Amino acid sequence: MTRSAEQQHHGTAVVLAVGDIGPDRDDAGELFEPTRELLRAADITFGQLEFVLAESGERLPQVRHTVKGDPAAARALADSGFDVISFAGNHCMDFGARAMLETITNLRAAHLHPVGVGANIDEARQPAVLPASGGEVSVLSYSSILPHSFWATENRPGCAPMRAFTVYEQVEHDQPGTPARIHTFAHRDDLAALRADIARQKSAGRFVIASFHWGIHFIPAEIADYQRDVARAAVDAGADIVIGHHSHILKGIEIYKGVPIFYSLANFAMDTRITPEHVASKSFQEILALNPEWVPNYESTFNFPPDSRKTIIAKFVITNGRLTDYGFFPGWINDNSQTEQIAPSDPRFADVVDYMTTVTRQAGLSTEFRTDGDFVRPEAVSAQAQS
């Protein structure tokens, strides 16, 4: 039986989900010391892995900031309470196919369930299936942030893609150089595959969690059109929860047909050591420009904009195969890249809740937040949010 055997005997299971994880230190377990007790108490704990955990492979020349993590970090993740690790993302092939496949092997050796990656597209689209709440939970994972050829095909390793296209529409045709409208559209074949994957899991009677590495990084509040379309398509196909990551900052929460869509869980435990030479590079300067308040810190393992210190630990309660409660615990990331759960008496607790309220409203999502002790529940506030 799993960790909450008594709860599951009564038909209730708890799922926790966190955002991006990138260990780059000798003892990866240190990253989870402040939250280990909480993570281990859940029946299923999910996280998004950003770096390969492998000894093999050579860094591909086109990738930006990346790290080859210690394979021992896989055991640290398991010991800290994680069960499901998504590796569908823009760093899965940073060191080539061998390193990605070795990472999968190392995660499995630690009794973790890697999802969203594989030796071919069929493997990459396979869910992690875990017992919970008297039934089973399926976790599917996809990436929209895709360097070329990082996605799997029939005979190529990679991640499960949920690609999107961008079109720039010139608003004032008689005014060269003026800003354009940006339109994004989901890849039709990838969207059809997503629907089929979810429908297959629902037909097996499973509770379905759909995870996406997607969105616009570092820019507050903004949610791309394709994200909304993909999220709603996932719900329409039968997904019970939709969770997102990649943007490294929190984004809003939508409640669509009663299903929560967490557009970004932000960072959770990201080591990002940098040097003056790295910061001076053209590619890094382009990223810095996305958030003017971003000041590099060469003495810290945490190198992100101030907004990135705010994070959440999402919690979902499944009772007899149905979602009966959900919300999040506010968190704050310290200079050692560790997420600390915040007490309601801490002023930072209100900072996180206010930030979530603001970015949700700015994204045009009809959701408000109600605090219950150290837990925060999103609530739909209009019929429009349910349509």
Protein backbone atom coordinates (compact mmCIF):
# COMPACT_ATOMS: atom_id res chain seq x y z
CA MET A 1 0.00 0.00 0.00
CA THR A 2 1.14 3.59 -0.59
CA ARG A 3 2.08 6.21 1.98
CA SER A 4 -1.49 7.24 2.88
CA ALA A 5 -2.82 3.70 3.05
CA GLU A 6 -5.50 4.56 5.59
CA GLN A 7 -6.76 7.47 3.47
CA GLN A 8 -6.84 5.37 0.31
CA HIS A 9 -8.71 2.62 2.15
CA HIS A 10 -11.47 5.19 2.63
CA GLY A 11 -11.32 6.25 -1.03
CA THR A 12 -9.32 9.46 -0.62
CA ALA A 13 -5.87 10.29 -2.01
CA VAL A 14 -3.76 13.44 -2.05
CA VAL A 15 -1.72 14.57 -5.06
CA LEU A 16 0.89 17.32 -4.80
CA ALA A 17 2.41 19.02 -7.83
CA VAL A 18 5.34 21.43 -8.04
CA GLY A 19 7.12 23.24 -10.85
CA ASP A 20 10.62 23.18 -12.27
CA ILE A 21 13.40 21.21 -10.59
CA GLY A 22 17.05 21.53 -11.63
CA PRO A 23 19.60 20.11 -9.16
CA ASP A 24 23.21 21.26 -9.68
CA ARG A 25 24.97 20.48 -6.40
CA ASP A 26 26.73 17.60 -4.68
CA ASP A 27 23.75 16.78 -2.45
CA ALA A 28 20.54 17.32 -4.41
CA GLY A 29 18.51 16.31 -1.37
CA GLU A 30 19.39 19.66 0.25
CA LEU A 31 17.03 21.37 -2.18
CA PHE A 32 14.01 19.68 -0.62
CA GLU A 33 14.86 19.89 3.07
CA PRO A 34 12.26 22.60 3.90
CA THR A 35 9.41 20.75 2.15
CA ARG A 36 10.40 17.10 2.42
CA GLU A 37 7.87 16.29 5.14
CA LEU A 38 5.03 17.78 3.10
CA LEU A 39 6.11 16.12 -0.16
CA ARG A 40 6.47 12.68 1.44
CA ALA A 41 3.06 12.85 3.10
CA ALA A 42 1.17 12.86 -0.21
CA ASP A 43 0.05 9.74 -2.04
CA ILE A 44 1.43 11.02 -5.35
CA THR A 45 3.95 13.84 -5.74
CA PHE A 46 4.75 15.29 -9.16
CA GLY A 47 7.62 17.50 -10.34
CA GLN A 48 9.10 18.76 -13.63
CA LEU A 49 12.77 17.91 -14.20
CA GLU A 50 14.75 20.55 -16.10
CA PHE A 51 18.24 19.01 -16.31
CA VAL A 52 19.49 15.62 -17.48
CA LEU A 53 20.73 13.32 -14.72
CA ALA A 54 23.38 11.42 -16.62
CA GLU A 55 27.08 10.79 -17.11
CA SER A 56 26.92 10.22 -20.87
CA GLY A 57 26.39 12.70 -23.70
CA GLU A 58 27.93 15.90 -25.00
CA ARG A 59 26.28 19.31 -24.84
CA LEU A 60 24.63 20.26 -28.11
CA PRO A 61 25.97 23.55 -29.50
CA GLN A 62 22.59 25.23 -29.98
CA VAL A 63 21.33 24.97 -26.40
CA ARG A 64 21.32 27.89 -23.98
CA HIS A 65 21.89 27.65 -20.22
CA THR A 66 21.99 24.01 -19.24
CA VAL A 67 23.49 21.61 -16.72
CA LYS A 68 24.35 17.93 -16.66
CA GLY A 69 23.06 16.84 -13.27
CA ASP A 70 24.44 14.07 -11.08
CA PRO A 71 22.61 10.75 -11.60
CA ALA A 72 22.47 10.44 -7.79
CA ALA A 73 19.89 13.24 -7.82
CA ALA A 74 17.31 10.70 -8.98
CA ARG A 75 17.54 8.89 -5.64
CA ALA A 76 17.37 12.24 -3.83
CA LEU A 77 14.10 13.01 -5.62
CA ALA A 78 12.65 9.66 -4.59
CA ASP A 79 13.85 10.02 -1.00
CA SER A 80 12.25 13.48 -0.86
CA GLY A 81 8.83 12.11 -1.73
CA PHE A 82 8.53 12.40 -5.50
CA ASP A 83 6.75 9.70 -7.48
CA VAL A 84 6.18 11.10 -10.99
CA ILE A 85 8.80 13.12 -12.83
CA SER A 86 7.98 14.82 -16.11
CA PHE A 87 10.99 15.29 -18.36
CA ALA A 88 9.07 16.64 -21.34
CA GLY A 89 10.71 20.00 -21.89
CA ASN A 90 13.20 22.11 -23.76
CA HIS A 91 16.20 20.65 -21.91
CA CYS A 92 15.50 16.92 -22.28
CA MET A 93 17.92 16.55 -25.21
CA ASP A 94 20.52 19.16 -24.22
CA PHE A 95 23.20 16.47 -24.11
CA GLY A 96 21.78 14.28 -26.84
CA ALA A 97 19.63 11.18 -26.95
CA ARG A 98 21.99 8.98 -24.90
CA ALA A 99 21.92 11.35 -21.93
CA MET A 100 18.13 11.65 -22.10
CA LEU A 101 17.69 7.87 -22.21
CA GLU A 102 20.18 7.44 -19.37
CA THR A 103 18.18 9.95 -17.34
CA ILE A 104 15.06 7.84 -17.86
CA THR A 105 16.97 4.75 -16.73
CA ASN A 106 18.31 6.52 -13.63
CA LEU A 107 14.84 7.77 -12.67
CA ARG A 108 13.36 4.30 -13.01
CA ALA A 109 16.21 2.77 -11.03
CA ALA A 110 15.18 5.10 -8.18
CA HIS A 111 11.60 3.74 -8.48
CA LEU A 112 10.33 6.97 -9.99
CA HIS A 113 7.90 7.20 -12.91
CA PRO A 114 9.33 9.36 -15.73
CA VAL A 115 6.75 10.66 -18.21
CA GLY A 116 6.72 12.64 -21.43
CA VAL A 117 9.95 11.19 -22.87
CA GLY A 118 11.03 8.00 -24.53
CA ALA A 119 13.00 6.17 -27.21
CA ASN A 120 10.19 6.95 -29.68
CA ILE A 121 6.88 8.80 -29.80
CA ASP A 122 4.86 5.83 -28.54
CA GLU A 123 7.02 5.61 -25.42
CA ALA A 124 6.98 9.37 -24.89
CA ARG A 125 3.17 9.41 -24.93
CA GLN A 126 2.81 6.62 -22.37
CA PRO A 127 1.35 7.75 -19.04
CA ALA A 128 2.53 7.03 -15.55
CA VAL A 129 -0.25 4.98 -13.95
CA LEU A 130 -0.40 4.89 -10.16
CA PRO A 131 -2.91 3.48 -7.67
CA ALA A 132 -4.95 6.07 -5.79
CA SER A 133 -8.36 6.55 -4.26
CA GLY A 134 -9.51 3.00 -4.89
CA GLY A 135 -8.67 3.35 -8.56
CA GLU A 136 -5.84 4.60 -10.75
CA VAL A 137 -4.36 7.98 -11.68
CA SER A 138 -2.79 8.53 -15.10
CA VAL A 139 -0.25 11.33 -15.60
CA LEU A 140 0.49 12.45 -19.17
CA SER A 141 3.12 15.04 -20.04
CA TYR A 142 3.88 17.12 -23.13
CA SER A 143 6.10 20.03 -24.15
CA SER A 144 5.41 23.08 -26.30
CA ILE A 145 8.87 24.56 -25.70
CA LEU A 146 10.85 22.65 -28.28
CA PRO A 147 14.26 23.23 -29.79
CA HIS A 148 14.34 21.64 -33.22
CA SER A 149 14.24 17.82 -33.22
CA PHE A 150 13.85 17.57 -29.43
CA TRP A 151 10.46 15.93 -29.97
CA ALA A 152 10.15 12.18 -30.43
CA THR A 153 9.07 10.54 -33.67
CA GLU A 154 8.37 6.94 -34.72
CA ASN A 155 12.11 6.20 -34.77
CA ARG A 156 13.74 9.09 -32.85
CA PRO A 157 14.06 9.62 -29.08
CA GLY A 158 12.71 12.79 -27.53
CA CYS A 159 9.71 14.18 -25.70
CA ALA A 160 5.99 14.14 -26.39
CA PRO A 161 5.27 17.33 -28.36
CA MET A 162 2.39 19.76 -28.09
CA ARG A 163 3.73 22.15 -30.70
CA ALA A 164 2.35 25.57 -31.51
CA PHE A 165 2.78 28.02 -34.37
CA THR A 166 3.20 31.80 -34.16
CA VAL A 167 1.82 34.34 -36.63
CA TYR A 168 2.64 38.06 -36.46
CA GLU A 169 -0.09 40.34 -37.79
CA GLN A 170 0.92 43.86 -38.74
CA VAL A 171 -1.72 46.12 -37.19
CA GLU A 172 -1.00 49.33 -39.09
CA HIS A 173 -0.06 48.34 -42.61
CA ASP A 174 0.96 51.87 -43.51
CA GLN A 175 3.29 52.15 -40.49
CA PRO A 176 6.43 50.01 -40.99
CA GLY A 177 8.09 48.86 -37.78
CA THR A 178 5.07 49.27 -35.52
CA PRO A 179 4.23 46.46 -33.06
CA ALA A 180 2.33 43.47 -34.37
CA ARG A 181 -0.42 41.34 -32.92
CA ILE A 182 0.82 37.88 -31.95
CA HIS A 183 -1.37 34.86 -32.65
CA THR A 184 -0.52 31.31 -31.62
CA PHE A 185 -2.14 28.11 -32.80
CA ALA A 186 -1.85 24.54 -31.60
CA HIS A 187 -0.37 21.94 -33.95
CA ARG A 188 -3.43 20.05 -35.17
CA ASP A 189 -1.85 16.57 -35.20
CA ASP A 190 -0.34 17.04 -31.73
CA LEU A 191 -3.69 18.25 -30.42
CA ALA A 192 -5.45 15.23 -31.91
CA ALA A 193 -2.88 12.93 -30.31
CA LEU A 194 -3.37 14.64 -26.96
CA ARG A 195 -7.13 14.16 -27.14
CA ALA A 196 -6.68 10.51 -28.06
CA ASP A 197 -4.22 9.91 -25.21
CA ILE A 198 -6.58 11.40 -22.63
CA ALA A 199 -9.65 9.64 -24.03
CA ARG A 200 -7.80 6.32 -23.88
CA GLN A 201 -7.02 6.81 -20.20
CA LYS A 202 -10.57 7.91 -19.38
CA SER A 203 -11.99 4.86 -21.17
CA ALA A 204 -9.86 2.75 -18.82
CA GLY A 205 -11.65 4.42 -15.90
CA ARG A 206 -8.67 6.42 -14.69
CA PHE A 207 -8.35 9.87 -13.17
CA VAL A 208 -6.26 11.91 -15.64
CA ILE A 209 -3.68 14.62 -14.97
CA ALA A 210 -2.35 16.45 -18.05
CA SER A 211 0.98 18.26 -17.67
CA PHE A 212 2.41 20.83 -20.09
CA HIS A 213 5.80 22.50 -20.39
CA TRP A 214 4.63 25.66 -22.14
CA GLY A 215 4.04 29.38 -22.03
CA ILE A 216 5.91 32.68 -22.09
CA HIS A 217 8.81 32.79 -19.68
CA PHE A 218 9.59 35.64 -17.29
CA ILE A 219 6.85 37.99 -18.57
CA PRO A 220 4.18 38.37 -15.84
CA ALA A 221 0.57 37.32 -16.35
CA GLU A 222 0.60 36.74 -20.11
CA ILE A 223 -0.84 33.43 -21.31
CA ALA A 224 -0.50 32.55 -24.99
CA ASP A 225 -3.64 31.77 -26.99
CA TYR A 226 -2.50 28.22 -27.76
CA GLN A 227 -2.21 27.45 -24.04
CA ARG A 228 -5.86 28.28 -23.46
CA ASP A 229 -6.91 26.23 -26.49
CA VAL A 230 -4.81 23.22 -25.50
CA ALA A 231 -5.88 23.34 -21.85
CA ARG A 232 -9.56 23.44 -22.73
CA ALA A 233 -9.14 20.71 -25.33
CA ALA A 234 -7.54 18.54 -22.64
CA VAL A 235 -10.48 19.14 -20.31
CA ASP A 236 -12.99 18.50 -23.08
CA ALA A 237 -11.22 15.19 -23.77
CA GLY A 238 -11.59 14.17 -20.12
CA ALA A 239 -8.63 15.55 -18.17
CA ASP A 240 -9.45 16.02 -14.48
CA ILE A 241 -6.52 18.38 -13.76
CA VAL A 242 -4.28 20.49 -16.02
CA ILE A 243 -0.92 21.72 -14.70
CA GLY A 244 1.74 23.81 -16.43
CA HIS A 245 5.33 24.85 -15.93
CA HIS A 246 8.34 26.36 -17.77
CA SER A 247 7.70 30.11 -17.42
CA HIS A 248 9.74 30.29 -14.16
CA ILE A 249 7.11 32.61 -12.70
CA LEU A 250 3.57 32.01 -11.51
CA LYS A 251 0.69 32.45 -13.94
CA GLY A 252 -3.05 32.51 -13.38
CA ILE A 253 -5.49 29.72 -12.60
CA GLU A 254 -8.58 29.04 -14.68
CA ILE A 255 -11.56 26.88 -13.75
CA TYR A 256 -13.08 25.47 -16.91
CA LYS A 257 -16.13 23.20 -16.65
CA GLY A 258 -15.23 22.68 -13.02
CA VAL A 259 -11.66 21.55 -13.84
CA PRO A 260 -8.69 23.55 -12.50
CA ILE A 261 -6.05 24.71 -14.97
CA PHE A 262 -2.86 25.83 -13.23
CA TYR A 263 -1.09 27.63 -16.07
CA SER A 264 2.27 27.76 -14.30
CA LEU A 265 3.53 26.30 -11.04
CA ALA A 266 6.71 28.37 -11.48
CA ASN A 267 10.07 27.19 -10.11
CA PHE A 268 10.44 24.86 -7.19
CA ALA A 269 14.12 23.91 -6.81
CA MET A 270 16.28 25.37 -9.59
CA ASP A 271 20.04 25.73 -9.20
CA THR A 272 21.20 28.38 -11.66
CA ARG A 273 24.82 29.28 -11.12
CA ILE A 274 26.08 31.98 -13.46
CA THR A 275 29.29 33.88 -14.18
CA PRO A 276 29.92 37.42 -15.47
CA GLU A 277 30.92 35.87 -18.81
CA HIS A 278 27.58 34.07 -19.01
CA VAL A 279 25.63 37.22 -18.20
CA ALA A 280 27.55 39.19 -20.82
CA SER A 281 26.54 36.81 -23.59
CA LYS A 282 24.06 38.07 -26.16
CA SER A 283 21.61 35.24 -25.53
CA PHE A 284 21.47 35.87 -21.78
CA GLN A 285 21.12 39.62 -22.27
CA GLU A 286 18.07 38.93 -24.43
CA ILE A 287 16.51 36.92 -21.61
CA LEU A 288 17.36 39.56 -18.98
CA ALA A 289 15.50 42.13 -21.07
CA LEU A 290 12.24 40.23 -20.55
CA ASN A 291 12.14 41.28 -16.91
CA PRO A 292 13.82 44.65 -16.12
CA GLU A 293 13.95 43.89 -12.38
CA TRP A 294 16.22 40.89 -12.89
CA VAL A 295 19.63 41.48 -11.25
CA PRO A 296 22.13 38.58 -11.50
CA ASN A 297 23.64 37.35 -8.24
CA TYR A 298 26.96 35.58 -8.64
CA GLU A 299 27.05 34.49 -4.98
CA SER A 300 23.72 32.65 -5.04
CA THR A 301 22.45 29.47 -6.68
CA PHE A 302 19.18 31.35 -7.28
CA ASN A 303 19.37 33.52 -10.37
CA PHE A 304 15.95 34.59 -11.55
CA PRO A 305 13.80 37.76 -11.47
CA PRO A 306 12.27 38.78 -8.11
CA ASP A 307 8.86 37.46 -9.23
CA SER A 308 10.41 33.99 -9.47
CA ARG A 309 10.83 33.77 -5.70
CA LYS A 310 7.06 33.36 -5.43
CA THR A 311 5.87 29.81 -5.94
CA ILE A 312 3.13 27.38 -4.98
CA ILE A 313 2.73 23.74 -4.09
CA ALA A 314 -0.52 22.59 -5.69
CA LYS A 315 -2.67 20.09 -3.80
CA PHE A 316 -5.49 17.97 -5.21
CA VAL A 317 -7.75 15.64 -3.23
CA ILE A 318 -9.25 12.68 -5.08
CA THR A 319 -12.18 10.88 -3.47
CA ASN A 320 -13.54 7.73 -5.09
CA GLY A 321 -12.00 8.72 -8.40
CA ARG A 322 -13.28 12.32 -8.43
CA LEU A 323 -11.61 15.64 -7.64
CA THR A 324 -13.18 16.88 -4.42
CA ASP A 325 -10.80 19.63 -3.29
CA TYR A 326 -7.86 21.57 -4.68
CA GLY A 327 -5.75 24.64 -4.14
CA PHE A 328 -2.20 25.51 -3.17
CA PHE A 329 0.24 26.21 -0.37
CA PRO A 330 2.13 29.48 -0.99
CA GLY A 331 5.90 29.17 -1.05
CA TRP A 332 8.99 31.36 -1.27
CA ILE A 333 12.34 30.45 -2.84
CA ASN A 334 15.41 31.40 -0.82
CA ASP A 335 18.97 32.20 -1.97
CA ASN A 336 19.81 28.49 -1.75
CA SER A 337 17.14 27.73 -4.37
CA GLN A 338 14.95 25.96 -1.79
CA THR A 339 11.21 26.45 -1.61
CA GLU A 340 9.99 27.24 1.88
CA GLN A 341 6.31 26.84 2.71
CA ILE A 342 5.05 30.15 4.12
CA ALA A 343 2.91 30.54 7.23
CA PRO A 344 -0.20 32.77 6.93
CA SER A 345 1.34 35.16 9.49
CA ASP A 346 4.33 35.77 7.18
CA PRO A 347 3.79 38.90 5.00
CA ARG A 348 5.12 36.92 2.03
CA PHE A 349 2.05 34.67 2.24
CA ALA A 350 -0.17 37.59 1.29
CA ASP A 351 2.37 38.63 -1.37
CA VAL A 352 1.97 35.29 -3.15
CA VAL A 353 -1.84 35.30 -2.88
CA ASP A 354 -2.03 38.91 -4.09
CA TYR A 355 0.31 38.10 -6.96
CA MET A 356 -1.84 35.14 -8.00
CA THR A 357 -4.93 37.34 -7.82
CA THR A 358 -3.29 40.01 -9.96
CA VAL A 359 -1.87 37.78 -12.70
CA THR A 360 -5.11 35.80 -12.86
CA ARG A 361 -7.14 38.98 -13.30
CA GLN A 362 -4.69 40.45 -15.83
CA ALA A 363 -4.97 37.26 -17.88
CA GLY A 364 -8.74 37.70 -18.02
CA LEU A 365 -9.49 34.60 -15.97
CA SER A 366 -12.61 34.64 -13.78
CA THR A 367 -11.09 33.14 -10.66
CA GLU A 368 -10.69 34.45 -7.12
CA PHE A 369 -8.79 33.02 -4.16
CA ARG A 370 -10.02 32.14 -0.67
CA THR A 371 -7.56 31.54 2.15
CA ASP A 372 -8.20 28.74 4.63
CA GLY A 373 -5.38 28.66 7.15
CA ASP A 374 -2.17 27.88 5.23
CA PHE A 375 -4.13 26.71 2.18
CA VAL A 376 -5.55 28.78 -0.69
CA ARG A 377 -8.51 27.67 -2.80
CA PRO A 378 -9.28 29.05 -6.29
CA GLU A 379 -12.98 29.67 -6.93
CA ALA A 380 -14.83 30.45 -10.14
CA VAL A 381 -16.70 33.73 -9.77
CA SER A 382 -18.91 33.80 -12.84
CA ALA A 383 -20.83 31.55 -15.19
CA GLN A 384 -18.36 32.53 -17.90
CA ALA A 385 -15.59 30.61 -16.12
CA GLN A 386 -17.71 27.48 -16.23
CA SER A 387 -18.64 27.66 -19.93
